[in-house]
Amino acid sequence: MKTLFDRASETLEQAAAPIKRHPLVYRGLGLMLTLVLYSAGVLAADAVSGEAIFPVAIVAVYFLPAVLRAWMLFYWEVRKDVRELREHLQSHKVA
């Protein structure tokens, strides 16, 4: 018996299949989605709060580490892809 989460996960996988053929585009869209969601979180916290210092604290504690993490994940995944491609090309040159 499939749960709602399993069905949603399968649907997402099917929808992302054409984009996954282009890993850089796929990861770039993931990065952009992450940035949009974190920005929306900061804006929602700002809308709820009436204090002027609260958005600065939220950005410093919540937004900046999240953006740094998203960029670093993007960088490491692209770096891994480039290394795999380089190894693949070198193995074909030797053979």
PDB file of N, CA and C in Angstrom:
ATOM      1  N   MET A   1       0.837  -1.177   0.000  1.00  0.00           N
ATOM      2  CA  MET A   1       0.000   0.000   0.000  1.00  0.00           C
ATOM      3  C   MET A   1       0.886   1.246   0.000  1.00  0.00           C
ATOM      4  N   LYS A   2       0.704   2.091  -0.969  1.00  0.00           N
ATOM      5  CA  LYS A   2       1.525   3.287  -1.095  1.00  0.00           C
ATOM      6  C   LYS A   2       0.939   4.414  -0.270  1.00  0.00           C
ATOM      7  N   THR A   3       1.825   5.113   0.377  1.00  0.00           N
ATOM      8  CA  THR A   3       1.394   6.272   1.144  1.00  0.00           C
ATOM      9  C   THR A   3       1.307   7.490   0.225  1.00  0.00           C
ATOM     10  N   LEU A   4       0.747   8.527   0.748  1.00  0.00           N
ATOM     11  CA  LEU A   4       0.634   9.770  -0.009  1.00  0.00           C
ATOM     12  C   LEU A   4       2.022  10.313  -0.349  1.00  0.00           C
ATOM     13  N   PHE A   5       2.968  10.168   0.592  1.00  0.00           N
ATOM     14  CA  PHE A   5       4.326  10.628   0.351  1.00  0.00           C
ATOM     15  C   PHE A   5       4.976   9.854  -0.800  1.00  0.00           C
ATOM     16  N   ASP A   6       4.770   8.537  -0.847  1.00  0.00           N
ATOM     17  CA  ASP A   6       5.326   7.718  -1.927  1.00  0.00           C
ATOM     18  C   ASP A   6       4.760   8.126  -3.281  1.00  0.00           C
ATOM     19  N   ARG A   7       3.479   8.372  -3.323  1.00  0.00           N
ATOM     20  CA  ARG A   7       2.851   8.788  -4.587  1.00  0.00           C
ATOM     21  C   ARG A   7       3.360  10.149  -5.037  1.00  0.00           C
ATOM     22  N   ALA A   8       3.479  11.070  -4.093  1.00  0.00           N
ATOM     23  CA  ALA A   8       3.979  12.401  -4.431  1.00  0.00           C
ATOM     24  C   ALA A   8       5.433  12.322  -4.895  1.00  0.00           C
ATOM     25  N   SER A   9       6.211  11.469  -4.256  1.00  0.00           N
ATOM     26  CA  SER A   9       7.606  11.300  -4.639  1.00  0.00           C
ATOM     27  C   SER A   9       7.731  10.729  -6.050  1.00  0.00           C
ATOM     28  N   GLU A  10       6.915   9.749  -6.376  1.00  0.00           N
ATOM     29  CA  GLU A  10       6.930   9.177  -7.726  1.00  0.00           C
ATOM     30  C   GLU A  10       6.516  10.200  -8.766  1.00  0.00           C
ATOM     31  N   THR A  11       5.509  10.991  -8.465  1.00  0.00           N
ATOM     32  CA  THR A  11       5.040  12.018  -9.387  1.00  0.00           C
ATOM     33  C   THR A  11       6.128  13.060  -9.625  1.00  0.00           C
ATOM     34  N   LEU A  12       6.812  13.454  -8.554  1.00  0.00           N
ATOM     35  CA  LEU A  12       7.902  14.416  -8.689  1.00  0.00           C
ATOM     36  C   LEU A  12       9.038  13.844  -9.525  1.00  0.00           C
ATOM     37  N   GLU A  13       9.368  12.591  -9.316  1.00  0.00           N
ATOM     38  CA  GLU A  13      10.429  11.941 -10.100  1.00  0.00           C
ATOM     39  C   GLU A  13      10.064  11.910 -11.585  1.00  0.00           C
ATOM     40  N   GLN A  14       8.830  11.594 -11.890  1.00  0.00           N
ATOM     41  CA  GLN A  14       8.393  11.549 -13.285  1.00  0.00           C
ATOM     42  C   GLN A  14       8.421  12.936 -13.906  1.00  0.00           C
ATOM     43  N   ALA A  15       8.033  13.946 -13.142  1.00  0.00           N
ATOM     44  CA  ALA A  15       8.013  15.309 -13.672  1.00  0.00           C
ATOM     45  C   ALA A  15       9.429  15.838 -13.894  1.00  0.00           C
ATOM     46  N   ALA A  16      10.379  15.409 -13.053  1.00  0.00           N
ATOM     47  CA  ALA A  16      11.748  15.912 -13.152  1.00  0.00           C
ATOM     48  C   ALA A  16      12.608  15.103 -14.118  1.00  0.00           C
ATOM     49  N   ALA A  17      12.104  14.009 -14.625  1.00  0.00           N
ATOM     50  CA  ALA A  17      12.912  13.127 -15.483  1.00  0.00           C
ATOM     51  C   ALA A  17      13.509  13.850 -16.702  1.00  0.00           C
ATOM     52  N   PRO A  18      12.748  14.648 -17.449  1.00  0.00           N
ATOM     53  CA  PRO A  18      13.367  15.322 -18.603  1.00  0.00           C
ATOM     54  C   PRO A  18      14.457  16.317 -18.209  1.00  0.00           C
ATOM     55  N   ILE A  19      14.303  16.949 -17.063  1.00  0.00           N
ATOM     56  CA  ILE A  19      15.277  17.934 -16.625  1.00  0.00           C
ATOM     57  C   ILE A  19      16.533  17.252 -16.092  1.00  0.00           C
ATOM     58  N   LYS A  20      16.395  16.071 -15.515  1.00  0.00           N
ATOM     59  CA  LYS A  20      17.546  15.377 -14.926  1.00  0.00           C
ATOM     60  C   LYS A  20      18.576  14.967 -15.973  1.00  0.00           C
ATOM     61  N   ARG A  21      18.199  14.974 -17.231  1.00  0.00           N
ATOM     62  CA  ARG A  21      19.183  14.672 -18.272  1.00  0.00           C
ATOM     63  C   ARG A  21      20.228  15.768 -18.378  1.00  0.00           C
ATOM     64  N   HIS A  22      19.920  16.924 -17.857  1.00  0.00           N
ATOM     65  CA  HIS A  22      20.845  18.066 -17.857  1.00  0.00           C
ATOM     66  C   HIS A  22      21.140  18.413 -16.394  1.00  0.00           C
ATOM     67  N   PRO A  23      22.151  17.777 -15.801  1.00  0.00           N
ATOM     68  CA  PRO A  23      22.378  17.925 -14.361  1.00  0.00           C
ATOM     69  C   PRO A  23      22.619  19.360 -13.895  1.00  0.00           C
ATOM     70  N   LEU A  24      23.314  20.151 -14.696  1.00  0.00           N
ATOM     71  CA  LEU A  24      23.586  21.522 -14.280  1.00  0.00           C
ATOM     72  C   LEU A  24      22.292  22.333 -14.188  1.00  0.00           C
ATOM     73  N   VAL A  25      21.417  22.158 -15.153  1.00  0.00           N
ATOM     74  CA  VAL A  25      20.128  22.858 -15.131  1.00  0.00           C
ATOM     75  C   VAL A  25      19.288  22.375 -13.949  1.00  0.00           C
ATOM     76  N   TYR A  26      19.288  21.054 -13.727  1.00  0.00           N
ATOM     77  CA  TYR A  26      18.511  20.466 -12.628  1.00  0.00           C
ATOM     78  C   TYR A  26      18.986  20.999 -11.284  1.00  0.00           C
ATOM     79  N   ARG A  27      20.292  21.025 -11.091  1.00  0.00           N
ATOM     80  CA  ARG A  27      20.834  21.512  -9.818  1.00  0.00           C
ATOM     81  C   ARG A  27      20.652  23.023  -9.689  1.00  0.00           C
ATOM     82  N   GLY A  28      20.764  23.735 -10.794  1.00  0.00           N
ATOM     83  CA  GLY A  28      20.538  25.181 -10.759  1.00  0.00           C
ATOM     84  C   GLY A  28      19.110  25.531 -10.389  1.00  0.00           C
ATOM     85  N   LEU A  29      18.158  24.777 -10.923  1.00  0.00           N
ATOM     86  CA  LEU A  29      16.759  25.004 -10.556  1.00  0.00           C
ATOM     87  C   LEU A  29      16.518  24.669  -9.091  1.00  0.00           C
ATOM     88  N   GLY A  30      17.173  23.628  -8.611  1.00  0.00           N
ATOM     89  CA  GLY A  30      17.067  23.295  -7.188  1.00  0.00           C
ATOM     90  C   GLY A  30      17.615  24.402  -6.311  1.00  0.00           C
ATOM     91  N   LEU A  31      18.737  24.976  -6.735  1.00  0.00           N
ATOM     92  CA  LEU A  31      19.322  26.087  -5.993  1.00  0.00           C
ATOM     93  C   LEU A  31      18.382  27.293  -6.001  1.00  0.00           C
ATOM     94  N   MET A  32      17.829  27.604  -7.152  1.00  0.00           N
ATOM     95  CA  MET A  32      16.908  28.742  -7.230  1.00  0.00           C
ATOM     96  C   MET A  32      15.665  28.512  -6.369  1.00  0.00           C
ATOM     97  N   LEU A  33      15.128  27.295  -6.383  1.00  0.00           N
ATOM     98  CA  LEU A  33      13.965  26.982  -5.552  1.00  0.00           C
ATOM     99  C   LEU A  33      14.316  27.140  -4.080  1.00  0.00           C
ATOM    100  N   THR A  34      15.502  26.687  -3.692  1.00  0.00           N
ATOM    101  CA  THR A  34      15.936  26.836  -2.298  1.00  0.00           C
ATOM    102  C   THR A  34      16.013  28.301  -1.910  1.00  0.00           C
ATOM    103  N   LEU A  35      16.606  29.124  -2.775  1.00  0.00           N
ATOM    104  CA  LEU A  35      16.727  30.551  -2.471  1.00  0.00           C
ATOM    105  C   LEU A  35      15.361  31.222  -2.369  1.00  0.00           C
ATOM    106  N   VAL A  36      14.451  30.847  -3.239  1.00  0.00           N
ATOM    107  CA  VAL A  36      13.100  31.422  -3.198  1.00  0.00           C
ATOM    108  C   VAL A  36      12.384  31.028  -1.914  1.00  0.00           C
ATOM    109  N   LEU A  37      12.498  29.756  -1.535  1.00  0.00           N
ATOM    110  CA  LEU A  37      11.820  29.306  -0.313  1.00  0.00           C
ATOM    111  C   LEU A  37      12.399  29.964   0.933  1.00  0.00           C
ATOM    112  N   TYR A  38      13.720  30.098   1.010  1.00  0.00           N
ATOM    113  CA  TYR A  38      14.318  30.759   2.162  1.00  0.00           C
ATOM    114  C   TYR A  38      13.969  32.245   2.180  1.00  0.00           C
ATOM    115  N   SER A  39      13.926  32.881   1.019  1.00  0.00           N
ATOM    116  CA  SER A  39      13.525  34.294   0.964  1.00  0.00           C
ATOM    117  C   SER A  39      12.080  34.458   1.426  1.00  0.00           C
ATOM    118  N   ALA A  40      11.222  33.547   1.006  1.00  0.00           N
ATOM    119  CA  ALA A  40       9.823  33.598   1.440  1.00  0.00           C
ATOM    120  C   ALA A  40       9.729  33.421   2.952  1.00  0.00           C
ATOM    121  N   GLY A  41      10.574  32.568   3.511  1.00  0.00           N
ATOM    122  CA  GLY A  41      10.580  32.394   4.967  1.00  0.00           C
ATOM    123  C   GLY A  41      10.992  33.657   5.691  1.00  0.00           C
ATOM    124  N   VAL A  42      12.007  34.332   5.171  1.00  0.00           N
ATOM    125  CA  VAL A  42      12.448  35.591   5.784  1.00  0.00           C
ATOM    126  C   VAL A  42      11.353  36.645   5.666  1.00  0.00           C
ATOM    127  N   LEU A  43      10.719  36.744   4.502  1.00  0.00           N
ATOM    128  CA  LEU A  43       9.640  37.721   4.321  1.00  0.00           C
ATOM    129  C   LEU A  43       8.441  37.412   5.214  1.00  0.00           C
ATOM    130  N   ALA A  44       8.130  36.130   5.382  1.00  0.00           N
ATOM    131  CA  ALA A  44       7.024  35.747   6.273  1.00  0.00           C
ATOM    132  C   ALA A  44       7.352  36.106   7.719  1.00  0.00           C
ATOM    133  N   ALA A  45       8.590  35.867   8.136  1.00  0.00           N
ATOM    134  CA  ALA A  45       8.986  36.229   9.495  1.00  0.00           C
ATOM    135  C   ALA A  45       8.948  37.742   9.676  1.00  0.00           C
ATOM    136  N   ASP A  46       9.333  38.480   8.658  1.00  0.00           N
ATOM    137  CA  ASP A  46       9.282  39.941   8.724  1.00  0.00           C
ATOM    138  C   ASP A  46       7.839  40.435   8.809  1.00  0.00           C
ATOM    139  N   ALA A  47       6.950  39.782   8.063  1.00  0.00           N
ATOM    140  CA  ALA A  47       5.542  40.197   8.082  1.00  0.00           C
ATOM    141  C   ALA A  47       4.906  39.933   9.445  1.00  0.00           C
ATOM    142  N   VAL A  48       5.299  38.858  10.080  1.00  0.00           N
ATOM    143  CA  VAL A  48       4.723  38.504  11.380  1.00  0.00           C
ATOM    144  C   VAL A  48       5.274  39.408  12.475  1.00  0.00           C
ATOM    145  N   SER A  49       6.543  39.755  12.356  1.00  0.00           N
ATOM    146  CA  SER A  49       7.202  40.560  13.384  1.00  0.00           C
ATOM    147  C   SER A  49       6.959  42.037  13.126  1.00  0.00           C
ATOM    148  N   GLY A  50       6.845  42.774  14.176  1.00  0.00           N
ATOM    149  CA  GLY A  50       6.684  44.217  14.046  1.00  0.00           C
ATOM    150  C   GLY A  50       7.959  44.962  14.376  1.00  0.00           C
ATOM    151  N   GLU A  51       8.945  44.248  14.889  1.00  0.00           N
ATOM    152  CA  GLU A  51      10.178  44.896  15.314  1.00  0.00           C
ATOM    153  C   GLU A  51      11.145  45.067  14.147  1.00  0.00           C
ATOM    154  N   ALA A  52      11.928  46.119  14.184  1.00  0.00           N
ATOM    155  CA  ALA A  52      12.862  46.407  13.093  1.00  0.00           C
ATOM    156  C   ALA A  52      14.111  45.538  13.163  1.00  0.00           C
ATOM    157  N   ILE A  53      14.516  45.100  14.339  1.00  0.00           N
ATOM    158  CA  ILE A  53      15.745  44.324  14.480  1.00  0.00           C
ATOM    159  C   ILE A  53      15.523  42.855  14.135  1.00  0.00           C
ATOM    160  N   PHE A  54      14.306  42.401  14.201  1.00  0.00           N
ATOM    161  CA  PHE A  54      14.017  40.984  13.968  1.00  0.00           C
ATOM    162  C   PHE A  54      14.449  40.506  12.585  1.00  0.00           C
ATOM    163  N   PRO A  55      14.170  41.232  11.493  1.00  0.00           N
ATOM    164  CA  PRO A  55      14.629  40.761  10.173  1.00  0.00           C
ATOM    165  C   PRO A  55      16.151  40.647  10.074  1.00  0.00           C
ATOM    166  N   VAL A  56      16.875  41.538  10.730  1.00  0.00           N
ATOM    167  CA  VAL A  56      18.333  41.465  10.697  1.00  0.00           C
ATOM    168  C   VAL A  56      18.799  40.193  11.396  1.00  0.00           C
ATOM    169  N   ALA A  57      18.206  39.877  12.523  1.00  0.00           N
ATOM    170  CA  ALA A  57      18.570  38.656  13.253  1.00  0.00           C
ATOM    171  C   ALA A  57      18.196  37.419  12.449  1.00  0.00           C
ATOM    172  N   ILE A  58      17.039  37.436  11.823  1.00  0.00           N
ATOM    173  CA  ILE A  58      16.614  36.286  11.013  1.00  0.00           C
ATOM    174  C   ILE A  58      17.570  36.079   9.843  1.00  0.00           C
ATOM    175  N   VAL A  59      17.952  37.153   9.177  1.00  0.00           N
ATOM    176  CA  VAL A  59      18.879  37.031   8.049  1.00  0.00           C
ATOM    177  C   VAL A  59      20.220  36.485   8.524  1.00  0.00           C
ATOM    178  N   ALA A  60      20.711  36.994   9.637  1.00  0.00           N
ATOM    179  CA  ALA A  60      22.012  36.564  10.133  1.00  0.00           C
ATOM    180  C   ALA A  60      22.001  35.114  10.603  1.00  0.00           C
ATOM    181  N   VAL A  61      20.929  34.674  11.224  1.00  0.00           N
ATOM    182  CA  VAL A  61      20.892  33.340  11.817  1.00  0.00           C
ATOM    183  C   VAL A  61      20.288  32.308  10.875  1.00  0.00           C
ATOM    184  N   TYR A  62      19.322  32.703  10.099  1.00  0.00           N
ATOM    185  CA  TYR A  62      18.547  31.733   9.321  1.00  0.00           C
ATOM    186  C   TYR A  62      18.900  31.755   7.833  1.00  0.00           C
ATOM    187  N   PHE A  63      18.913  32.918   7.244  1.00  0.00           N
ATOM    188  CA  PHE A  63      19.027  33.023   5.801  1.00  0.00           C
ATOM    189  C   PHE A  63      20.453  32.825   5.292  1.00  0.00           C
ATOM    190  N   LEU A  64      21.424  33.496   5.859  1.00  0.00           N
ATOM    191  CA  LEU A  64      22.797  33.416   5.353  1.00  0.00           C
ATOM    192  C   LEU A  64      23.385  32.004   5.440  1.00  0.00           C
ATOM    193  N   PRO A  65      23.258  31.294   6.564  1.00  0.00           N
ATOM    194  CA  PRO A  65      23.757  29.909   6.577  1.00  0.00           C
ATOM    195  C   PRO A  65      23.022  29.011   5.587  1.00  0.00           C
ATOM    196  N   ALA A  66      21.739  29.235   5.410  1.00  0.00           N
ATOM    197  CA  ALA A  66      20.969  28.417   4.470  1.00  0.00           C
ATOM    198  C   ALA A  66      21.424  28.664   3.037  1.00  0.00           C
ATOM    199  N   VAL A  67      21.664  29.904   2.695  1.00  0.00           N
ATOM    200  CA  VAL A  67      22.131  30.232   1.350  1.00  0.00           C
ATOM    201  C   VAL A  67      23.534  29.674   1.136  1.00  0.00           C
ATOM    202  N   LEU A  68      24.389  29.805   2.133  1.00  0.00           N
ATOM    203  CA  LEU A  68      25.730  29.255   2.020  1.00  0.00           C
ATOM    204  C   LEU A  68      25.674  27.741   1.828  1.00  0.00           C
ATOM    205  N   ARG A  69      24.825  27.074   2.572  1.00  0.00           N
ATOM    206  CA  ARG A  69      24.687  25.624   2.431  1.00  0.00           C
ATOM    207  C   ARG A  69      24.185  25.254   1.039  1.00  0.00           C
ATOM    208  N   ALA A  70      23.197  25.975   0.538  1.00  0.00           N
ATOM    209  CA  ALA A  70      22.656  25.687  -0.790  1.00  0.00           C
ATOM    210  C   ALA A  70      23.722  25.878  -1.867  1.00  0.00           C
ATOM    211  N   TRP A  71      24.494  26.958  -1.774  1.00  0.00           N
ATOM    212  CA  TRP A  71      25.556  27.198  -2.758  1.00  0.00           C
ATOM    213  C   TRP A  71      26.635  26.133  -2.675  1.00  0.00           C
ATOM    214  N   MET A  72      26.997  25.736  -1.453  1.00  0.00           N
ATOM    215  CA  MET A  72      28.039  24.720  -1.297  1.00  0.00           C
ATOM    216  C   MET A  72      27.570  23.367  -1.828  1.00  0.00           C
ATOM    217  N   LEU A  73      26.323  22.997  -1.591  1.00  0.00           N
ATOM    218  CA  LEU A  73      25.796  21.749  -2.157  1.00  0.00           C
ATOM    219  C   LEU A  73      25.825  21.797  -3.677  1.00  0.00           C
ATOM    220  N   PHE A  74      25.427  22.921  -4.245  1.00  0.00           N
ATOM    221  CA  PHE A  74      25.454  23.102  -5.691  1.00  0.00           C
ATOM    222  C   PHE A  74      26.881  22.954  -6.217  1.00  0.00           C
ATOM    223  N   TYR A  75      27.816  23.621  -5.559  1.00  0.00           N
ATOM    224  CA  TYR A  75      29.218  23.572  -5.977  1.00  0.00           C
ATOM    225  C   TYR A  75      29.767  22.148  -5.919  1.00  0.00           C
ATOM    226  N   TRP A  76      29.535  21.438  -4.828  1.00  0.00           N
ATOM    227  CA  TRP A  76      30.086  20.093  -4.678  1.00  0.00           C
ATOM    228  C   TRP A  76      29.463  19.106  -5.656  1.00  0.00           C
ATOM    229  N   GLU A  77      28.184  19.251  -5.940  1.00  0.00           N
ATOM    230  CA  GLU A  77      27.547  18.357  -6.904  1.00  0.00           C
ATOM    231  C   GLU A  77      28.065  18.611  -8.321  1.00  0.00           C
ATOM    232  N   VAL A  78      28.221  19.878  -8.684  1.00  0.00           N
ATOM    233  CA  VAL A  78      28.757  20.202 -10.014  1.00  0.00           C
ATOM    234  C   VAL A  78      30.213  19.747 -10.105  1.00  0.00           C
ATOM    235  N   ARG A  79      30.972  19.932  -9.053  1.00  0.00           N
ATOM    236  CA  ARG A  79      32.367  19.482  -9.042  1.00  0.00           C
ATOM    237  C   ARG A  79      32.455  17.960  -9.202  1.00  0.00           C
ATOM    238  N   LYS A  80      31.565  17.245  -8.522  1.00  0.00           N
ATOM    239  CA  LYS A  80      31.533  15.787  -8.655  1.00  0.00           C
ATOM    240  C   LYS A  80      31.192  15.380 -10.081  1.00  0.00           C
ATOM    241  N   ASP A  81      30.236  16.072 -10.686  1.00  0.00           N
ATOM    242  CA  ASP A  81      29.861  15.768 -12.068  1.00  0.00           C
ATOM    243  C   ASP A  81      31.026  16.010 -13.027  1.00  0.00           C
ATOM    244  N   VAL A  82      31.757  17.102 -12.825  1.00  0.00           N
ATOM    245  CA  VAL A  82      32.893  17.418 -13.693  1.00  0.00           C
ATOM    246  C   VAL A  82      33.989  16.366 -13.529  1.00  0.00           C
ATOM    247  N   ARG A  83      34.256  15.948 -12.309  1.00  0.00           N
ATOM    248  CA  ARG A  83      35.261  14.906 -12.088  1.00  0.00           C
ATOM    249  C   ARG A  83      34.859  13.592 -12.749  1.00  0.00           C
ATOM    250  N   GLU A  84      33.596  13.220 -12.606  1.00  0.00           N
ATOM    251  CA  GLU A  84      33.131  11.982 -13.229  1.00  0.00           C
ATOM    252  C   GLU A  84      33.248  12.064 -14.748  1.00  0.00           C
ATOM    253  N   LEU A  85      32.899  13.205 -15.316  1.00  0.00           N
ATOM    254  CA  LEU A  85      33.012  13.389 -16.762  1.00  0.00           C
ATOM    255  C   LEU A  85      34.473  13.327 -17.201  1.00  0.00           C
ATOM    256  N   ARG A  86      35.351  13.976 -16.444  1.00  0.00           N
ATOM    257  CA  ARG A  86      36.776  13.958 -16.774  1.00  0.00           C
ATOM    258  C   ARG A  86      37.325  12.526 -16.709  1.00  0.00           C
ATOM    259  N   GLU A  87      36.971  11.770 -15.667  1.00  0.00           N
ATOM    260  CA  GLU A  87      37.426  10.389 -15.553  1.00  0.00           C
ATOM    261  C   GLU A  87      36.883   9.532 -16.689  1.00  0.00           C
ATOM    262  N   HIS A  88      35.639   9.769 -17.049  1.00  0.00           N
ATOM    263  CA  HIS A  88      35.022   9.027 -18.149  1.00  0.00           C
ATOM    264  C   HIS A  88      35.751   9.300 -19.469  1.00  0.00           C
ATOM    265  N   LEU A  89      36.063  10.568 -19.716  1.00  0.00           N
ATOM    266  CA  LEU A  89      36.773  10.929 -20.941  1.00  0.00           C
ATOM    267  C   LEU A  89      38.196  10.380 -20.948  1.00  0.00           C
ATOM    268  N   GLN A  90      38.868  10.410 -19.821  1.00  0.00           N
ATOM    269  CA  GLN A  90      40.228   9.877 -19.746  1.00  0.00           C
ATOM    270  C   GLN A  90      40.250   8.366 -19.928  1.00  0.00           C
ATOM    271  N   SER A  91      39.254   7.675 -19.399  1.00  0.00           N
ATOM    272  CA  SER A  91      39.219   6.214 -19.564  1.00  0.00           C
ATOM    273  C   SER A  91      38.972   5.832 -21.016  1.00  0.00           C
ATOM    274  N   HIS A  92      38.247   6.664 -21.750  1.00  0.00           N
ATOM    275  CA  HIS A  92      38.012   6.386 -23.161  1.00  0.00           C
ATOM    276  C   HIS A  92      39.234   6.736 -24.017  1.00  0.00           C
ATOM    277  N   LYS A  93      40.043   7.698 -23.591  1.00  0.00           N
ATOM    278  CA  LYS A  93      41.260   8.043 -24.326  1.00  0.00           C
ATOM    279  C   LYS A  93      42.295   6.945 -24.206  1.00  0.00           C
ATOM    280  N   VAL A  94      42.422   6.352 -23.012  1.00  0.00           N
ATOM    281  CA  VAL A  94      43.414   5.323 -22.759  1.00  0.00           C
ATOM    282  C   VAL A  94      43.090   4.050 -23.517  1.00  0.00           C
ATOM    283  N   ALA A  95      41.820   3.694 -23.560  1.00  0.00           N
ATOM    284  CA  ALA A  95      41.422   2.440 -24.189  1.00  0.00           C
ATOM    285  C   ALA A  95      41.479   2.460 -25.681  1.00  0.00           C
TER     286      ALA A  95
END
